[in-house]
Amino acid sequence: MKKFFNEFKEFALRGNVMDLAVGVIIGAAFQAIINSLVNDVISPLIGLVANTDLNYMVATVGDVEIRYGAFITAVINFIIMAVIIFLLVKGMNALASIGKKKEEEAPAAPTTKTCPYCKSEIAIDATRCPHCTSELN
């Protein structure tokens, strides 16, 4: 039993598991903010056009209520959340690429040169052209 707890502790305290847990918790909190934005701000503004709150828009078919207003609200929630996640990922990628660009800016040393006689591409340290066998300086 002690071995099981030690294995679980090792698994739970890995860096990527902890990062994932933090991401899920922050995502859930952020989702509450997005839900509030849509339900308390955007839906009433859209409701001005429809003269009702989106959440209360219902179509009755027989004895069944189809709450298409709640569905529209959920779609708006999803779109806003997807756009914000896209912008966050795009921003993080831009920040990560800043460091990479500085490393890539230094041009690599050339590894080939052109033979002055036959114009073939040869190794930079060659003393004789492998194509035309001319001696190179």
N, C-alpha and C. Protein backbone atom coordinates (compact mmCIF):
# COMPACT_ATOMS: atom_id res chain seq x y z
N MET A 1 0.82 -1.19 0.00
CA MET A 1 0.00 0.00 0.00
C MET A 1 0.87 1.26 0.00
N LYS A 2 2.00 1.18 0.72
CA LYS A 2 2.91 2.32 0.78
C LYS A 2 3.51 2.59 -0.60
N LYS A 3 3.80 1.53 -1.33
CA LYS A 3 4.35 1.68 -2.69
C LYS A 3 3.34 2.38 -3.60
N PHE A 4 2.07 2.03 -3.44
CA PHE A 4 1.01 2.65 -4.23
C PHE A 4 0.96 4.15 -3.97
N PHE A 5 1.01 4.56 -2.70
CA PHE A 5 0.96 5.99 -2.37
C PHE A 5 2.20 6.72 -2.88
N ASN A 6 3.35 6.07 -2.81
CA ASN A 6 4.57 6.69 -3.32
C ASN A 6 4.49 6.89 -4.84
N GLU A 7 3.96 5.89 -5.55
CA GLU A 7 3.79 6.01 -7.00
C GLU A 7 2.80 7.11 -7.34
N PHE A 8 1.70 7.17 -6.58
CA PHE A 8 0.70 8.21 -6.80
C PHE A 8 1.29 9.59 -6.54
N LYS A 9 2.05 9.72 -5.47
CA LYS A 9 2.70 10.99 -5.14
C LYS A 9 3.65 11.41 -6.26
N GLU A 10 4.43 10.47 -6.77
CA GLU A 10 5.35 10.77 -7.87
C GLU A 10 4.58 11.21 -9.11
N PHE A 11 3.47 10.55 -9.41
CA PHE A 11 2.65 10.91 -10.56
C PHE A 11 2.03 12.29 -10.38
N ALA A 12 1.45 12.53 -9.21
CA ALA A 12 0.71 13.78 -8.97
C ALA A 12 1.63 14.99 -8.90
N LEU A 13 2.85 14.81 -8.52
CA LEU A 13 3.75 15.94 -8.37
C LEU A 13 4.65 16.16 -9.59
N ARG A 14 4.42 15.44 -10.66
CA ARG A 14 5.15 15.72 -11.90
C ARG A 14 4.78 17.11 -12.38
N GLY A 15 5.72 17.75 -13.04
CA GLY A 15 5.50 19.12 -13.50
C GLY A 15 4.33 19.26 -14.44
N ASN A 16 4.20 18.37 -15.43
CA ASN A 16 3.13 18.53 -16.41
C ASN A 16 1.76 18.26 -15.81
N VAL A 17 1.66 17.38 -14.82
CA VAL A 17 0.37 17.11 -14.18
C VAL A 17 -0.05 18.33 -13.37
N MET A 18 0.89 18.94 -12.68
CA MET A 18 0.57 20.14 -11.89
C MET A 18 0.19 21.29 -12.82
N ASP A 19 0.90 21.44 -13.93
CA ASP A 19 0.56 22.49 -14.90
C ASP A 19 -0.85 22.28 -15.44
N LEU A 20 -1.18 21.03 -15.74
CA LEU A 20 -2.51 20.73 -16.25
C LEU A 20 -3.58 21.06 -15.20
N ALA A 21 -3.32 20.71 -13.96
CA ALA A 21 -4.29 20.99 -12.89
C ALA A 21 -4.50 22.50 -12.75
N VAL A 22 -3.42 23.25 -12.77
CA VAL A 22 -3.53 24.71 -12.66
C VAL A 22 -4.30 25.25 -13.86
N GLY A 23 -4.01 24.74 -15.05
CA GLY A 23 -4.71 25.18 -16.25
C GLY A 23 -6.20 24.91 -16.19
N VAL A 24 -6.59 23.75 -15.69
CA VAL A 24 -8.01 23.41 -15.59
C VAL A 24 -8.71 24.32 -14.59
N ILE A 25 -8.07 24.57 -13.46
CA ILE A 25 -8.68 25.43 -12.43
C ILE A 25 -8.84 26.85 -12.96
N ILE A 26 -7.79 27.38 -13.59
CA ILE A 26 -7.87 28.74 -14.13
C ILE A 26 -8.89 28.79 -15.27
N GLY A 27 -8.94 27.75 -16.09
CA GLY A 27 -9.92 27.69 -17.17
C GLY A 27 -11.35 27.68 -16.64
N ALA A 28 -11.60 26.96 -15.56
CA ALA A 28 -12.94 26.93 -14.98
C ALA A 28 -13.31 28.31 -14.42
N ALA A 29 -12.36 28.96 -13.77
CA ALA A 29 -12.64 30.30 -13.24
C ALA A 29 -12.87 31.28 -14.39
N PHE A 30 -12.08 31.14 -15.44
CA PHE A 30 -12.23 32.02 -16.59
C PHE A 30 -13.56 31.77 -17.29
N GLN A 31 -14.00 30.52 -17.33
CA GLN A 31 -15.29 30.20 -17.93
C GLN A 31 -16.42 30.88 -17.18
N ALA A 32 -16.30 30.98 -15.85
CA ALA A 32 -17.33 31.68 -15.07
C ALA A 32 -17.39 33.15 -15.47
N ILE A 33 -16.23 33.75 -15.73
CA ILE A 33 -16.21 35.15 -16.16
C ILE A 33 -16.87 35.29 -17.53
N ILE A 34 -16.57 34.39 -18.44
CA ILE A 34 -17.16 34.44 -19.79
C ILE A 34 -18.67 34.23 -19.70
N ASN A 35 -19.10 33.27 -18.88
CA ASN A 35 -20.54 33.05 -18.71
C ASN A 35 -21.23 34.30 -18.20
N SER A 36 -20.62 34.97 -17.24
CA SER A 36 -21.20 36.19 -16.72
C SER A 36 -21.25 37.28 -17.79
N LEU A 37 -20.18 37.40 -18.55
CA LEU A 37 -20.15 38.39 -19.64
C LEU A 37 -21.29 38.15 -20.62
N VAL A 38 -21.45 36.90 -21.03
CA VAL A 38 -22.49 36.59 -22.02
C VAL A 38 -23.88 36.72 -21.41
N ASN A 39 -24.09 36.14 -20.23
CA ASN A 39 -25.43 36.15 -19.63
C ASN A 39 -25.85 37.52 -19.12
N ASP A 40 -24.91 38.29 -18.60
CA ASP A 40 -25.27 39.55 -17.96
C ASP A 40 -25.07 40.78 -18.85
N VAL A 41 -24.28 40.66 -19.91
CA VAL A 41 -24.01 41.82 -20.76
C VAL A 41 -24.45 41.59 -22.20
N ILE A 42 -23.92 40.55 -22.83
CA ILE A 42 -24.16 40.35 -24.27
C ILE A 42 -25.59 39.90 -24.54
N SER A 43 -26.09 38.92 -23.79
CA SER A 43 -27.46 38.45 -24.02
C SER A 43 -28.50 39.55 -23.86
N PRO A 44 -28.42 40.37 -22.81
CA PRO A 44 -29.40 41.46 -22.73
C PRO A 44 -29.29 42.45 -23.88
N LEU A 45 -28.06 42.70 -24.35
CA LEU A 45 -27.90 43.61 -25.49
C LEU A 45 -28.51 43.01 -26.75
N ILE A 46 -28.28 41.72 -26.97
CA ILE A 46 -28.91 41.05 -28.12
C ILE A 46 -30.42 40.99 -27.91
N GLY A 47 -30.83 40.83 -26.65
CA GLY A 47 -32.25 40.78 -26.32
C GLY A 47 -32.97 42.08 -26.63
N LEU A 48 -32.24 43.20 -26.67
CA LEU A 48 -32.87 44.46 -27.05
C LEU A 48 -33.44 44.38 -28.46
N VAL A 49 -32.71 43.68 -29.33
CA VAL A 49 -33.17 43.52 -30.71
C VAL A 49 -34.38 42.59 -30.75
N ALA A 50 -34.32 41.52 -29.96
CA ALA A 50 -35.41 40.53 -29.95
C ALA A 50 -36.50 40.89 -28.95
N ASN A 51 -36.34 41.96 -28.20
CA ASN A 51 -37.28 42.40 -27.17
C ASN A 51 -37.49 41.37 -26.07
N THR A 52 -36.50 40.49 -25.84
CA THR A 52 -36.55 39.52 -24.75
C THR A 52 -35.13 39.05 -24.45
N ASP A 53 -34.94 38.49 -23.26
CA ASP A 53 -33.64 37.93 -22.91
C ASP A 53 -33.46 36.63 -23.68
N LEU A 54 -32.26 36.41 -24.21
CA LEU A 54 -32.01 35.20 -25.00
C LEU A 54 -32.29 33.92 -24.22
N ASN A 55 -31.94 33.91 -22.96
CA ASN A 55 -32.11 32.68 -22.17
C ASN A 55 -33.57 32.24 -22.08
N TYR A 56 -34.49 33.17 -22.25
CA TYR A 56 -35.92 32.83 -22.11
C TYR A 56 -36.60 32.61 -23.45
N MET A 57 -35.87 32.60 -24.53
CA MET A 57 -36.47 32.35 -25.85
C MET A 57 -36.72 30.84 -25.97
N VAL A 58 -37.99 30.48 -26.14
CA VAL A 58 -38.39 29.08 -26.15
C VAL A 58 -39.38 28.85 -27.29
N ALA A 59 -39.21 27.73 -27.95
CA ALA A 59 -40.20 27.31 -28.95
C ALA A 59 -40.88 26.06 -28.39
N THR A 60 -42.21 26.06 -28.42
CA THR A 60 -42.96 24.92 -27.90
C THR A 60 -43.46 24.08 -29.05
N VAL A 61 -43.07 22.80 -29.01
CA VAL A 61 -43.52 21.84 -30.02
C VAL A 61 -44.26 20.75 -29.27
N GLY A 62 -45.56 20.75 -29.42
CA GLY A 62 -46.37 19.80 -28.65
C GLY A 62 -46.27 20.14 -27.18
N ASP A 63 -45.84 19.20 -26.37
CA ASP A 63 -45.66 19.44 -24.94
C ASP A 63 -44.19 19.67 -24.58
N VAL A 64 -43.34 19.81 -25.58
CA VAL A 64 -41.89 19.92 -25.35
C VAL A 64 -41.45 21.36 -25.61
N GLU A 65 -40.64 21.88 -24.68
CA GLU A 65 -40.07 23.21 -24.87
C GLU A 65 -38.66 23.08 -25.43
N ILE A 66 -38.40 23.77 -26.51
CA ILE A 66 -37.06 23.81 -27.11
C ILE A 66 -36.47 25.17 -26.76
N ARG A 67 -35.47 25.16 -25.89
CA ARG A 67 -34.88 26.41 -25.41
C ARG A 67 -33.74 26.81 -26.32
N TYR A 68 -34.08 27.33 -27.47
CA TYR A 68 -33.04 27.72 -28.43
C TYR A 68 -32.29 28.96 -27.97
N GLY A 69 -32.86 29.77 -27.11
CA GLY A 69 -32.17 30.93 -26.57
C GLY A 69 -30.99 30.53 -25.71
N ALA A 70 -31.18 29.51 -24.89
CA ALA A 70 -30.08 28.99 -24.06
C ALA A 70 -28.99 28.39 -24.94
N PHE A 71 -29.39 27.75 -26.04
CA PHE A 71 -28.42 27.19 -26.97
C PHE A 71 -27.61 28.31 -27.63
N ILE A 72 -28.27 29.37 -28.05
CA ILE A 72 -27.56 30.51 -28.66
C ILE A 72 -26.58 31.11 -27.65
N THR A 73 -26.98 31.20 -26.39
CA THR A 73 -26.10 31.71 -25.34
C THR A 73 -24.87 30.81 -25.19
N ALA A 74 -25.08 29.50 -25.22
CA ALA A 74 -23.95 28.56 -25.11
C ALA A 74 -23.01 28.69 -26.30
N VAL A 75 -23.56 28.90 -27.50
CA VAL A 75 -22.72 29.08 -28.69
C VAL A 75 -21.90 30.36 -28.57
N ILE A 76 -22.52 31.43 -28.08
CA ILE A 76 -21.79 32.69 -27.88
C ILE A 76 -20.69 32.49 -26.85
N ASN A 77 -20.98 31.78 -25.76
CA ASN A 77 -19.96 31.46 -24.75
C ASN A 77 -18.77 30.75 -25.40
N PHE A 78 -19.07 29.73 -26.21
CA PHE A 78 -18.02 28.95 -26.86
C PHE A 78 -17.18 29.82 -27.78
N ILE A 79 -17.82 30.65 -28.58
CA ILE A 79 -17.08 31.48 -29.54
C ILE A 79 -16.17 32.45 -28.81
N ILE A 80 -16.68 33.09 -27.77
CA ILE A 80 -15.85 34.04 -27.02
C ILE A 80 -14.68 33.31 -26.37
N MET A 81 -14.94 32.16 -25.76
CA MET A 81 -13.88 31.40 -25.11
C MET A 81 -12.84 30.94 -26.13
N ALA A 82 -13.28 30.47 -27.29
CA ALA A 82 -12.35 30.01 -28.32
C ALA A 82 -11.49 31.17 -28.84
N VAL A 83 -12.08 32.33 -29.03
CA VAL A 83 -11.32 33.48 -29.52
C VAL A 83 -10.29 33.91 -28.48
N ILE A 84 -10.67 33.93 -27.22
CA ILE A 84 -9.73 34.34 -26.17
C ILE A 84 -8.60 33.33 -26.03
N ILE A 85 -8.90 32.05 -26.08
CA ILE A 85 -7.85 31.02 -26.01
C ILE A 85 -6.94 31.15 -27.22
N PHE A 86 -7.50 31.37 -28.41
CA PHE A 86 -6.70 31.56 -29.61
C PHE A 86 -5.74 32.73 -29.44
N LEU A 87 -6.25 33.86 -28.92
CA LEU A 87 -5.41 35.04 -28.73
C LEU A 87 -4.32 34.79 -27.69
N LEU A 88 -4.65 34.06 -26.62
CA LEU A 88 -3.64 33.73 -25.62
C LEU A 88 -2.55 32.84 -26.20
N VAL A 89 -2.93 31.81 -26.94
CA VAL A 89 -1.94 30.91 -27.54
C VAL A 89 -1.10 31.66 -28.57
N LYS A 90 -1.74 32.51 -29.36
CA LYS A 90 -1.01 33.30 -30.35
C LYS A 90 -0.01 34.23 -29.67
N GLY A 91 -0.43 34.85 -28.57
CA GLY A 91 0.48 35.72 -27.82
C GLY A 91 1.64 34.96 -27.22
N MET A 92 1.35 33.78 -26.65
CA MET A 92 2.42 32.97 -26.07
C MET A 92 3.40 32.51 -27.13
N ASN A 93 2.89 32.13 -28.31
CA ASN A 93 3.77 31.72 -29.41
C ASN A 93 4.63 32.89 -29.88
N ALA A 94 4.06 34.09 -29.91
CA ALA A 94 4.83 35.27 -30.32
C ALA A 94 5.94 35.54 -29.31
N LEU A 95 5.62 35.42 -28.02
CA LEU A 95 6.65 35.62 -27.00
C LEU A 95 7.75 34.56 -27.10
N ALA A 96 7.35 33.33 -27.36
CA ALA A 96 8.34 32.25 -27.47
C ALA A 96 9.21 32.43 -28.70
N SER A 97 8.65 32.97 -29.77
CA SER A 97 9.43 33.12 -31.00
C SER A 97 10.40 34.30 -30.93
N ILE A 98 10.20 35.22 -30.01
CA ILE A 98 11.12 36.35 -29.89
C ILE A 98 12.51 35.85 -29.55
N GLY A 99 12.62 34.95 -28.60
CA GLY A 99 13.92 34.39 -28.23
C GLY A 99 14.52 33.56 -29.35
N LYS A 100 13.69 32.83 -30.09
CA LYS A 100 14.19 31.99 -31.17
C LYS A 100 14.72 32.82 -32.32
N LYS A 101 14.10 33.96 -32.61
CA LYS A 101 14.54 34.79 -33.72
C LYS A 101 15.94 35.33 -33.48
N LYS A 102 16.24 35.69 -32.24
CA LYS A 102 17.56 36.21 -31.92
C LYS A 102 18.62 35.14 -32.16
N GLU A 103 18.31 33.90 -31.83
CA GLU A 103 19.25 32.81 -32.05
C GLU A 103 19.42 32.52 -33.53
N GLU A 104 18.34 32.61 -34.30
CA GLU A 104 18.38 32.28 -35.71
C GLU A 104 18.96 33.41 -36.57
N GLU A 105 19.04 34.63 -36.02
CA GLU A 105 19.51 35.76 -36.81
C GLU A 105 20.97 35.62 -37.20
N ALA A 106 21.78 35.00 -36.37
CA ALA A 106 23.19 34.83 -36.71
C ALA A 106 23.29 33.86 -37.89
N PRO A 107 23.85 34.33 -39.02
CA PRO A 107 23.93 33.44 -40.18
C PRO A 107 24.93 32.31 -39.92
N ALA A 108 24.59 31.15 -40.41
CA ALA A 108 25.44 29.99 -40.24
C ALA A 108 26.66 30.14 -41.16
N ALA A 109 27.78 29.60 -40.71
CA ALA A 109 28.99 29.65 -41.52
C ALA A 109 28.77 28.81 -42.77
N PRO A 110 29.25 29.31 -43.92
CA PRO A 110 29.04 28.54 -45.15
C PRO A 110 29.79 27.21 -45.10
N THR A 111 29.15 26.18 -45.65
CA THR A 111 29.77 24.84 -45.66
C THR A 111 30.21 24.45 -47.07
N THR A 112 29.84 25.24 -48.06
CA THR A 112 30.24 24.93 -49.44
C THR A 112 30.77 26.17 -50.12
N LYS A 113 31.48 25.94 -51.21
CA LYS A 113 31.94 27.03 -52.06
C LYS A 113 31.81 26.56 -53.51
N THR A 114 32.02 27.48 -54.44
CA THR A 114 31.90 27.16 -55.85
C THR A 114 33.28 27.04 -56.46
N CYS A 115 33.48 25.98 -57.23
CA CYS A 115 34.75 25.80 -57.94
C CYS A 115 34.87 26.90 -58.99
N PRO A 116 36.02 27.63 -59.03
CA PRO A 116 36.16 28.72 -60.00
C PRO A 116 36.30 28.22 -61.44
N TYR A 117 36.57 26.94 -61.63
CA TYR A 117 36.78 26.42 -62.97
C TYR A 117 35.51 25.80 -63.57
N CYS A 118 34.88 24.89 -62.83
CA CYS A 118 33.71 24.21 -63.38
C CYS A 118 32.40 24.71 -62.79
N LYS A 119 32.48 25.58 -61.81
CA LYS A 119 31.30 26.19 -61.16
C LYS A 119 30.44 25.18 -60.40
N SER A 120 31.00 24.05 -60.01
CA SER A 120 30.29 23.06 -59.20
C SER A 120 30.38 23.46 -57.73
N GLU A 121 29.40 23.03 -56.97
CA GLU A 121 29.42 23.30 -55.54
C GLU A 121 30.22 22.21 -54.85
N ILE A 122 31.21 22.65 -54.04
CA ILE A 122 32.11 21.70 -53.37
C ILE A 122 32.23 22.08 -51.91
N ALA A 123 32.79 21.18 -51.11
CA ALA A 123 32.99 21.44 -49.68
C ALA A 123 33.93 22.62 -49.50
N ILE A 124 33.71 23.38 -48.46
CA ILE A 124 34.48 24.61 -48.24
C ILE A 124 35.96 24.33 -47.98
N ASP A 125 36.28 23.19 -47.40
CA ASP A 125 37.67 22.89 -47.09
C ASP A 125 38.37 22.04 -48.15
N ALA A 126 37.75 21.89 -49.30
CA ALA A 126 38.33 21.08 -50.38
C ALA A 126 39.55 21.79 -50.97
N THR A 127 40.59 21.01 -51.29
CA THR A 127 41.78 21.56 -51.94
C THR A 127 41.83 21.18 -53.41
N ARG A 128 40.94 20.26 -53.80
CA ARG A 128 40.86 19.84 -55.20
C ARG A 128 39.39 19.61 -55.51
N CYS A 129 38.94 20.06 -56.66
CA CYS A 129 37.55 19.89 -57.06
C CYS A 129 37.28 18.43 -57.41
N PRO A 130 36.26 17.81 -56.82
CA PRO A 130 35.96 16.41 -57.14
C PRO A 130 35.34 16.24 -58.53
N HIS A 131 34.89 17.32 -59.15
CA HIS A 131 34.24 17.22 -60.45
C HIS A 131 35.24 17.40 -61.60
N CYS A 132 36.05 18.46 -61.50
CA CYS A 132 36.98 18.72 -62.62
C CYS A 132 38.43 18.45 -62.22
N THR A 133 38.68 18.08 -61.00
CA THR A 133 40.00 17.75 -60.42
C THR A 133 40.99 18.90 -60.45
N SER A 134 40.52 20.13 -60.57
CA SER A 134 41.41 21.28 -60.54
C SER A 134 41.88 21.52 -59.10
N GLU A 135 43.12 22.00 -58.98
CA GLU A 135 43.62 22.37 -57.66
C GLU A 135 43.08 23.72 -57.28
N LEU A 136 42.67 23.83 -56.01
CA LEU A 136 42.07 25.07 -55.53
C LEU A 136 43.01 25.72 -54.52
N ASN A 137 42.97 27.04 -54.47
CA ASN A 137 43.82 27.77 -53.51
C ASN A 137 43.17 27.79 -52.15
